[in-house]
Protein backbone atom coordinates (compact mmCIF):
# COMPACT_ATOMS: atom_id res chain seq x y z
CA MET A 1 172.01 112.72 94.92
CA ILE A 2 170.39 111.21 91.18
CA VAL A 3 166.65 111.30 92.13
CA ALA A 4 165.56 110.11 88.10
CA VAL A 5 166.93 109.93 84.77
CA GLY A 6 165.26 109.64 81.41
CA LEU A 7 166.71 108.41 78.80
CA ASP A 8 164.71 109.19 74.40
CA LEU A 9 166.08 108.41 70.47
CA ILE A 10 163.95 109.10 67.82
CA GLU A 11 164.85 108.82 64.53
CA LEU A 12 165.13 111.65 62.04
CA ALA A 13 162.85 109.96 58.97
CA ARG A 14 159.65 109.74 61.19
CA VAL A 15 159.94 113.32 62.53
CA ARG A 16 160.06 114.39 58.93
CA ALA A 17 157.44 112.02 57.68
CA VAL A 18 155.68 114.49 60.37
CA LEU A 19 156.62 117.68 59.20
CA GLU A 20 155.67 116.39 55.59
CA ARG A 21 152.23 115.50 56.81
CA HIS A 22 151.35 118.11 59.38
CA PRO A 23 154.13 120.74 58.95
CA ARG A 24 152.53 123.62 61.11
CA ARG A 25 150.32 121.69 63.79
CA PHE A 26 153.24 119.86 64.36
CA VAL A 27 155.55 122.64 65.07
CA GLU A 28 152.86 124.99 67.23
CA ARG A 29 151.93 122.15 68.75
CA HIS A 30 155.29 120.13 70.47
CA PHE A 31 157.98 124.06 69.66
CA HIS A 32 158.11 126.10 72.43
CA PRO A 33 159.07 129.83 70.81
CA GLU A 34 162.32 129.67 71.91
CA GLU A 35 163.04 126.91 70.76
CA LEU A 36 162.00 127.66 66.99
CA GLU A 37 163.64 131.03 66.82
CA GLN A 38 167.28 129.22 67.89
CA LEU A 39 166.25 126.77 64.79
CA ASP A 40 165.69 129.43 62.15
CA GLY A 41 167.50 129.85 59.15
CA ARG A 42 169.36 126.28 59.38
CA ALA A 43 169.83 125.05 56.26
CA ASP A 44 167.89 121.55 58.12
CA PRO A 45 166.55 121.96 61.26
CA VAL A 46 164.74 118.61 61.43
CA PRO A 47 167.99 117.12 64.09
CA GLY A 48 167.01 120.27 66.01
CA LEU A 49 163.40 119.42 66.56
CA ALA A 50 164.21 116.08 66.63
CA ALA A 51 166.84 116.66 69.86
CA ARG A 52 164.29 119.10 71.31
CA PHE A 53 161.41 116.71 70.85
CA ALA A 54 163.38 113.97 72.73
CA ALA A 55 164.51 116.17 75.33
CA LYS A 56 160.61 116.49 76.96
CA GLU A 57 160.21 112.94 75.93
CA ALA A 58 163.52 112.86 78.35
CA PHE A 59 161.65 114.76 81.01
CA GLN A 60 158.30 113.45 80.79
CA LYS A 61 160.37 110.18 81.23
CA CYS A 62 161.54 111.22 84.93
CA TRP A 63 158.93 113.59 85.74
CA PRO A 64 155.61 112.21 88.16
CA GLN A 65 152.66 114.12 86.22
CA THR A 66 151.96 114.77 82.31
CA PHE A 67 152.78 117.87 81.23
CA GLY A 68 152.07 119.62 77.86
CA TRP A 69 154.50 119.94 74.86
CA ARG A 70 155.38 123.46 74.88
CA GLU A 71 155.71 123.79 79.46
CA VAL A 72 159.20 122.68 78.86
CA TRP A 73 161.66 123.76 76.39
CA VAL A 74 165.39 123.83 75.03
CA THR A 75 167.13 127.21 75.64
CA LYS A 76 171.00 127.33 75.35
CA GLU A 77 173.09 128.53 77.92
CA GLY A 78 176.42 130.03 75.52
CA ARG A 79 176.87 126.52 73.53
CA ARG A 80 175.16 125.03 76.42
CA PRO A 81 171.49 122.86 76.05
CA ARG A 82 169.35 123.45 79.22
CA LEU A 83 165.73 123.18 79.76
CA ALA A 84 163.27 125.79 80.72
CA PHE A 85 160.09 125.60 82.39
CA SER A 86 156.14 126.79 82.55
CA PRO A 87 156.03 129.01 85.76
CA THR A 88 154.00 125.80 86.51
CA LEU A 89 156.95 123.59 86.35
CA ALA A 90 159.50 125.70 87.70
CA ALA A 91 157.99 126.20 91.26
CA ALA A 92 157.46 122.14 91.36
CA LEU A 93 161.00 122.08 90.74
CA ALA A 94 161.80 125.00 93.03
CA ALA A 95 159.23 123.59 95.80
CA GLY A 96 161.48 120.31 96.40
CA SER A 97 164.87 122.33 95.66
CA LEU A 98 165.09 119.24 92.71
CA ARG A 99 168.03 120.38 89.25
CA VAL A 100 167.51 119.53 85.98
CA HIS A 101 170.92 118.47 83.68
CA LEU A 102 170.27 117.86 79.83
CA SER A 103 172.92 116.24 77.07
CA LEU A 104 171.83 116.42 73.71
CA THR A 105 172.98 114.15 70.17
CA HIS A 106 172.75 113.83 67.03
CA SER A 107 173.86 111.54 63.55
CA ARG A 108 172.01 110.89 60.34
CA GLU A 109 169.62 108.94 61.14
CA HIS A 110 169.06 109.64 65.03
CA ALA A 111 169.01 112.31 67.73
CA GLY A 112 168.71 111.94 71.33
CA ALA A 113 168.96 113.25 74.51
CA VAL A 114 169.27 112.26 78.27
CA VAL A 115 168.06 114.70 81.48
CA VAL A 116 169.30 113.88 84.72
CA LEU A 117 166.59 115.41 87.23
CA GLU A 118 168.84 116.07 90.76
CA GLY A 119 167.73 116.16 94.24
CA PRO A 120 169.16 118.02 97.02
CA ASP A 121 171.93 114.98 99.45
CA PRO A 122 169.66 113.34 101.96
CA VAL A 123 171.20 114.04 105.58
CA PRO A 124 173.44 112.21 107.34
CA GLY A 125 171.86 110.49 109.97
CA GLY A 126 168.13 111.70 109.14
């Protein structure tokens, strides 16, 4: 059963502008080391950073409490993106039998993410 859906869209120009003003501070504050490792060596990391930022925002729209930027991060299962979580968030998701689905996209000007939070199906007659 779908519990919540989060969607976020961000302009790549905004991410570029922040990186120009505060490159180190922005990256260290908002991205998990695993995310940065995935983007290392890309000619232009901005679309990847923007999509990951959008994923965090999209998950926040599904989640009832606020969390730190580095408590949620994008990782990969093969080529497929998925969200990884700090132990506290992972435990809360497990306690609620919740699963998280992620889709990322980007174009020349924008990056976006959709997060679907899935819970257990209700018990019939319950």
